[in-house]
C-alpha atoms as a PDB file:
ATOM      1  CA  UNK A   1     117.461  15.685 -40.935  1.00  0.00           C
ATOM      2  CA  UNK A   2     117.142  19.185 -42.326  1.00  0.00           C
ATOM      3  CA  UNK A   3     116.273  22.088 -40.053  1.00  0.00           C
ATOM      4  CA  UNK A   4     112.554  22.026 -39.459  1.00  0.00           C
ATOM      5  CA  UNK A   5     110.416  24.860 -38.173  1.00  0.00           C
ATOM      6  CA  UNK A   6     108.199  24.075 -35.243  1.00  0.00           C
ATOM      7  CA  UNK A   7     105.150  25.799 -33.881  1.00  0.00           C
ATOM      8  CA  UNK A   8     106.020  28.416 -31.279  1.00  0.00           C
ATOM      9  CA  UNK A   9     103.436  26.858 -29.005  1.00  0.00           C
ATOM     10  CA  UNK A  10     105.324  23.555 -28.828  1.00  0.00           C
ATOM     11  CA  UNK A  11     105.362  22.796 -25.135  1.00  0.00           C
ATOM     12  CA  UNK A  12     107.877  19.957 -25.331  1.00  0.00           C
ATOM     13  CA  UNK A  13     110.791  22.277 -26.146  1.00  0.00           C
ATOM     14  CA  UNK A  14     112.489  24.204 -23.380  1.00  0.00           C
ATOM     15  CA  UNK A  15     112.351  27.974 -23.731  1.00  0.00           C
ATOM     16  CA  UNK A  16     115.627  28.917 -25.518  1.00  0.00           C
ATOM     17  CA  UNK A  17     115.592  32.328 -23.786  1.00  0.00           C
ATOM     18  CA  UNK A  18     115.139  30.945 -20.259  1.00  0.00           C
ATOM     19  CA  UNK A  19     118.063  31.935 -18.081  1.00  0.00           C
ATOM     20  CA  UNK A  20     119.912  33.421 -21.050  1.00  0.00           C
ATOM     21  CA  UNK A  21     121.271  36.937 -20.420  1.00  0.00           C
ATOM     22  CA  UNK A  22     121.577  37.433 -24.183  1.00  0.00           C
ATOM     23  CA  UNK A  23     117.882  36.840 -24.812  1.00  0.00           C
ATOM     24  CA  UNK A  24     116.305  39.278 -27.292  1.00  0.00           C
ATOM     25  CA  UNK A  25     114.657  42.455 -26.081  1.00  0.00           C
ATOM     26  CA  UNK A  26     110.898  42.785 -25.687  1.00  0.00           C
ATOM     27  CA  UNK A  27     108.736  42.871 -28.785  1.00  0.00           C
ATOM     28  CA  UNK A  28     107.884  46.144 -30.449  1.00  0.00           C
ATOM     29  CA  UNK A  29     104.853  46.924 -32.578  1.00  0.00           C
ATOM     30  CA  UNK A  30     106.307  47.764 -35.987  1.00  0.00           C
ATOM     31  CA  UNK A  31     104.154  47.902 -39.123  1.00  0.00           C
ATOM     32  CA  UNK A  32     104.909  45.069 -41.532  1.00  0.00           C
ATOM     33  CA  UNK A  33     106.984  43.109 -39.026  1.00  0.00           C
ATOM     34  CA  UNK A  34     104.298  41.150 -37.173  1.00  0.00           C
ATOM     35  CA  UNK A  35     104.442  38.251 -39.675  1.00  0.00           C
ATOM     36  CA  UNK A  36     108.217  37.929 -39.999  1.00  0.00           C
ATOM     37  CA  UNK A  37     108.288  34.386 -38.585  1.00  0.00           C
ATOM     38  CA  UNK A  38     105.676  33.325 -41.157  1.00  0.00           C
ATOM     39  CA  UNK A  39     107.456  35.094 -44.037  1.00  0.00           C
ATOM     40  CA  UNK A  40     110.917  33.692 -43.265  1.00  0.00           C
ATOM     41  CA  UNK A  41     111.991  30.097 -43.910  1.00  0.00           C
ATOM     42  CA  UNK A  42     115.090  28.566 -42.324  1.00  0.00           C
ATOM     43  CA  UNK A  43     116.212  25.432 -44.161  1.00  0.00           C
ATOM     44  CA  UNK A  44     119.117  23.086 -44.864  1.00  0.00           C
ATOM     45  CA  UNK A  45     120.359  23.614 -41.316  1.00  0.00           C
ATOM     46  CA  UNK A  46     122.812  21.479 -39.385  1.00  0.00           C
ATOM     47  CA  UNK A  47     125.585  21.879 -36.829  1.00  0.00           C
ATOM     48  CA  UNK A  48     128.856  20.243 -35.848  1.00  0.00           C
ATOM     49  CA  UNK A  49     131.476  20.524 -33.132  1.00  0.00           C
ATOM     50  CA  UNK A  50     134.327  22.802 -34.208  1.00  0.00           C
ATOM     51  CA  UNK A  51     137.701  23.583 -32.658  1.00  0.00           C
ATOM     52  CA  UNK A  52     139.384  21.808 -29.758  1.00  0.00           C
ATOM     53  CA  UNK A  53     137.573  20.482 -26.710  1.00  0.00           C
ATOM     54  CA  UNK A  54     134.056  20.160 -28.108  1.00  0.00           C
ATOM     55  CA  UNK A  55     132.915  23.415 -26.485  1.00  0.00           C
ATOM     56  CA  UNK A  56     131.684  25.076 -29.705  1.00  0.00           C
ATOM     57  CA  UNK A  57     129.221  24.175 -32.431  1.00  0.00           C
ATOM     58  CA  UNK A  58     129.296  25.688 -35.912  1.00  0.00           C
ATOM     59  CA  UNK A  59     125.715  26.214 -37.145  1.00  0.00           C
ATOM     60  CA  UNK A  60     125.067  26.342 -40.889  1.00  0.00           C
ATOM     61  CA  UNK A  61     121.791  27.150 -42.655  1.00  0.00           C
ATOM     62  CA  UNK A  62     119.970  29.086 -45.342  1.00  0.00           C
ATOM     63  CA  UNK A  63     117.412  31.729 -44.409  1.00  0.00           C
ATOM     64  CA  UNK A  64     114.877  32.992 -46.966  1.00  0.00           C
ATOM     65  CA  UNK A  65     112.536  35.950 -46.751  1.00  0.00           C
ATOM     66  CA  UNK A  66     109.600  35.047 -48.995  1.00  0.00           C
ATOM     67  CA  UNK A  67     107.770  38.361 -48.595  1.00  0.00           C
ATOM     68  CA  UNK A  68     107.914  41.794 -50.211  1.00  0.00           C
ATOM     69  CA  UNK A  69     108.916  43.337 -46.864  1.00  0.00           C
ATOM     70  CA  UNK A  70     112.439  43.354 -45.410  1.00  0.00           C
ATOM     71  CA  UNK A  71     112.692  41.610 -42.036  1.00  0.00           C
ATOM     72  CA  UNK A  72     115.365  41.712 -39.352  1.00  0.00           C
ATOM     73  CA  UNK A  73     116.700  38.935 -37.142  1.00  0.00           C
ATOM     74  CA  UNK A  74     117.483  40.668 -33.849  1.00  0.00           C
ATOM     75  CA  UNK A  75     118.530  37.682 -31.771  1.00  0.00           C
ATOM     76  CA  UNK A  76     119.150  33.941 -31.761  1.00  0.00           C
ATOM     77  CA  UNK A  77     119.127  31.791 -28.610  1.00  0.00           C
ATOM     78  CA  UNK A  78     119.153  28.137 -27.617  1.00  0.00           C
ATOM     79  CA  UNK A  79     118.827  26.310 -24.296  1.00  0.00           C
ATOM     80  CA  UNK A  80     121.953  24.342 -25.297  1.00  0.00           C
ATOM     81  CA  UNK A  81     124.135  27.454 -25.683  1.00  0.00           C
ATOM     82  CA  UNK A  82     125.511  29.905 -23.135  1.00  0.00           C
ATOM     83  CA  UNK A  83     126.314  32.303 -25.995  1.00  0.00           C
ATOM     84  CA  UNK A  84     125.638  32.496 -29.726  1.00  0.00           C
ATOM     85  CA  UNK A  85     127.482  34.764 -32.142  1.00  0.00           C
ATOM     86  CA  UNK A  86     128.529  35.280 -35.739  1.00  0.00           C
ATOM     87  CA  UNK A  87     131.854  33.975 -37.004  1.00  0.00           C
ATOM     88  CA  UNK A  88     133.820  33.749 -40.250  1.00  0.00           C
ATOM     89  CA  UNK A  89     136.249  30.873 -40.671  1.00  0.00           C
ATOM     90  CA  UNK A  90     138.817  32.753 -42.756  1.00  0.00           C
ATOM     91  CA  UNK A  91     138.593  36.346 -41.522  1.00  0.00           C
ATOM     92  CA  UNK A  92     139.531  38.193 -38.366  1.00  0.00           C
ATOM     93  CA  UNK A  93     136.461  38.212 -36.152  1.00  0.00           C
ATOM     94  CA  UNK A  94     135.437  41.657 -34.879  1.00  0.00           C
ATOM     95  CA  UNK A  95     132.550  42.784 -32.691  1.00  0.00           C
ATOM     96  CA  UNK A  96     130.608  43.498 -35.906  1.00  0.00           C
ATOM     97  CA  UNK A  97     131.021  39.875 -36.987  1.00  0.00           C
ATOM     98  CA  UNK A  98     130.140  38.546 -33.541  1.00  0.00           C
ATOM     99  CA  UNK A  99     126.977  40.704 -33.465  1.00  0.00           C
ATOM    100  CA  UNK A 100     125.912  39.798 -37.032  1.00  0.00           C
ATOM    101  CA  UNK A 101     122.846  37.856 -35.881  1.00  0.00           C
ATOM    102  CA  UNK A 102     121.670  40.680 -33.593  1.00  0.00           C
ATOM    103  CA  UNK A 103     120.875  42.951 -36.547  1.00  0.00           C
ATOM    104  CA  UNK A 104     120.705  40.814 -39.690  1.00  0.00           C
ATOM    105  CA  UNK A 105     118.512  42.318 -42.402  1.00  0.00           C
ATOM    106  CA  UNK A 106     116.726  39.801 -44.602  1.00  0.00           C
ATOM    107  CA  UNK A 107     116.025  41.496 -47.955  1.00  0.00           C
ATOM    108  CA  UNK A 108     112.606  40.930 -49.558  1.00  0.00           C
ATOM    109  CA  UNK A 109     112.287  37.807 -51.730  1.00  0.00           C
ATOM    110  CA  UNK A 110     115.904  36.758 -51.174  1.00  0.00           C
ATOM    111  CA  UNK A 111     117.887  34.118 -49.353  1.00  0.00           C
ATOM    112  CA  UNK A 112     121.142  34.193 -47.408  1.00  0.00           C
ATOM    113  CA  UNK A 113     123.321  31.118 -46.871  1.00  0.00           C
ATOM    114  CA  UNK A 114     125.658  30.627 -43.917  1.00  0.00           C
ATOM    115  CA  UNK A 115     127.984  27.751 -44.973  1.00  0.00           C
ATOM    116  CA  UNK A 116     131.058  26.101 -43.462  1.00  0.00           C
ATOM    117  CA  UNK A 117     134.083  28.235 -44.356  1.00  0.00           C
ATOM    118  CA  UNK A 118     132.059  31.460 -44.572  1.00  0.00           C
ATOM    119  CA  UNK A 119     129.952  33.518 -42.194  1.00  0.00           C
ATOM    120  CA  UNK A 120     128.008  31.261 -39.848  1.00  0.00           C
ATOM    121  CA  UNK A 121     126.605  31.040 -36.332  1.00  0.00           C
ATOM    122  CA  UNK A 122     128.560  29.653 -33.363  1.00  0.00           C
ATOM    123  CA  UNK A 123     127.100  28.148 -30.192  1.00  0.00           C
ATOM    124  CA  UNK A 124     129.222  28.102 -27.037  1.00  0.00           C
ATOM    125  CA  UNK A 125     128.091  25.085 -25.068  1.00  0.00           C
ATOM    126  CA  UNK A 126     129.779  26.143 -21.821  1.00  0.00           C
ATOM    127  CA  UNK A 127     128.105  24.825 -18.691  1.00  0.00           C
ATOM    128  CA  UNK A 128     124.868  24.005 -20.555  1.00  0.00           C
ATOM    129  CA  UNK A 129     125.920  20.366 -20.848  1.00  0.00           C
ATOM    130  CA  UNK A 130     126.945  18.050 -23.611  1.00  0.00           C
ATOM    131  CA  UNK A 131     125.637  18.045 -27.166  1.00  0.00           C
ATOM    132  CA  UNK A 132     126.155  14.708 -28.908  1.00  0.00           C
ATOM    133  CA  UNK A 133     126.431  13.780 -32.567  1.00  0.00           C
ATOM    134  CA  UNK A 134     123.030  12.680 -33.860  1.00  0.00           C
ATOM    135  CA  UNK A 135     121.065  14.799 -31.387  1.00  0.00           C
ATOM    136  CA  UNK A 136     118.872  17.757 -32.318  1.00  0.00           C
ATOM    137  CA  UNK A 137     119.249  21.224 -30.844  1.00  0.00           C
ATOM    138  CA  UNK A 138     116.357  23.706 -30.750  1.00  0.00           C
ATOM    139  CA  UNK A 139     117.316  27.233 -31.818  1.00  0.00           C
ATOM    140  CA  UNK A 140     114.978  30.235 -31.480  1.00  0.00           C
ATOM    141  CA  UNK A 141     115.201  32.966 -34.133  1.00  0.00           C
ATOM    142  CA  UNK A 142     113.742  36.260 -32.887  1.00  0.00           C
ATOM    143  CA  UNK A 143     112.607  38.923 -35.351  1.00  0.00           C
ATOM    144  CA  UNK A 144     112.213  42.674 -34.960  1.00  0.00           C
ATOM    145  CA  UNK A 145     108.536  43.167 -34.209  1.00  0.00           C
ATOM    146  CA  UNK A 146     108.382  40.290 -31.742  1.00  0.00           C
ATOM    147  CA  UNK A 147     107.671  37.153 -33.766  1.00  0.00           C
ATOM    148  CA  UNK A 148     109.828  34.068 -33.278  1.00  0.00           C
ATOM    149  CA  UNK A 149     110.553  30.771 -34.983  1.00  0.00           C
ATOM    150  CA  UNK A 150     112.021  27.654 -33.370  1.00  0.00           C
ATOM    151  CA  UNK A 151     114.102  25.452 -35.648  1.00  0.00           C
ATOM    152  CA  UNK A 152     115.764  22.134 -34.797  1.00  0.00           C
ATOM    153  CA  UNK A 153     119.279  21.474 -36.088  1.00  0.00           C
ATOM    154  CA  UNK A 154     120.802  18.006 -36.254  1.00  0.00           C
ATOM    155  CA  UNK A 155     124.337  17.606 -34.884  1.00  0.00           C
ATOM    156  CA  UNK A 156     126.594  15.951 -37.468  1.00  0.00           C
ATOM    157  CA  UNK A 157     130.034  14.392 -36.993  1.00  0.00           C
ATOM    158  CA  UNK A 158     132.712  16.834 -35.864  1.00  0.00           C
ATOM    159  CA  UNK A 159     135.195  17.971 -38.453  1.00  0.00           C
ATOM    160  CA  UNK A 160     138.867  17.255 -37.724  1.00  0.00           C
ATOM    161  CA  UNK A 161     140.752  19.975 -35.856  1.00  0.00           C
ATOM    162  CA  UNK A 162     144.340  20.570 -36.979  1.00  0.00           C
ATOM    163  CA  UNK A 163     145.127  23.821 -35.155  1.00  0.00           C
ATOM    164  CA  UNK A 164     147.071  24.428 -31.936  1.00  0.00           C
ATOM    165  CA  UNK A 165     145.751  22.691 -28.844  1.00  0.00           C
END
């Protein structure tokens, strides 16, 4: 199943910011930003276990800003993750890479793709429990200005890990 946006009022999904110390800051009233969640589409999303031990999920997706106004993702959370951060499979990861999704500008009328092997999002499962192949994980995208969008990502089969254990 592709990533599908859900209404923010969906009561059957746990609040992805509940109990999360990395939850986005309070909303601000910025002109042109109040409709970011409506202007931005998140599609073709999925995730898989990466690395040893099954404690991390790589999250891959395309995000499109369909408006004439730039928007900014200023946080991403999930009830299934103790931490979420940016990562690049083939580059040294710095604090700038890790914080990529805390200040990601979405240019007007453009899309950005976060594929396996490139920049993508990582979920640390930690003590949040187990995430199984075939399940769906709700992820909340928070935009500067206060709007939010919840997207569900399907967990696919883990890719083989050939690194040190």
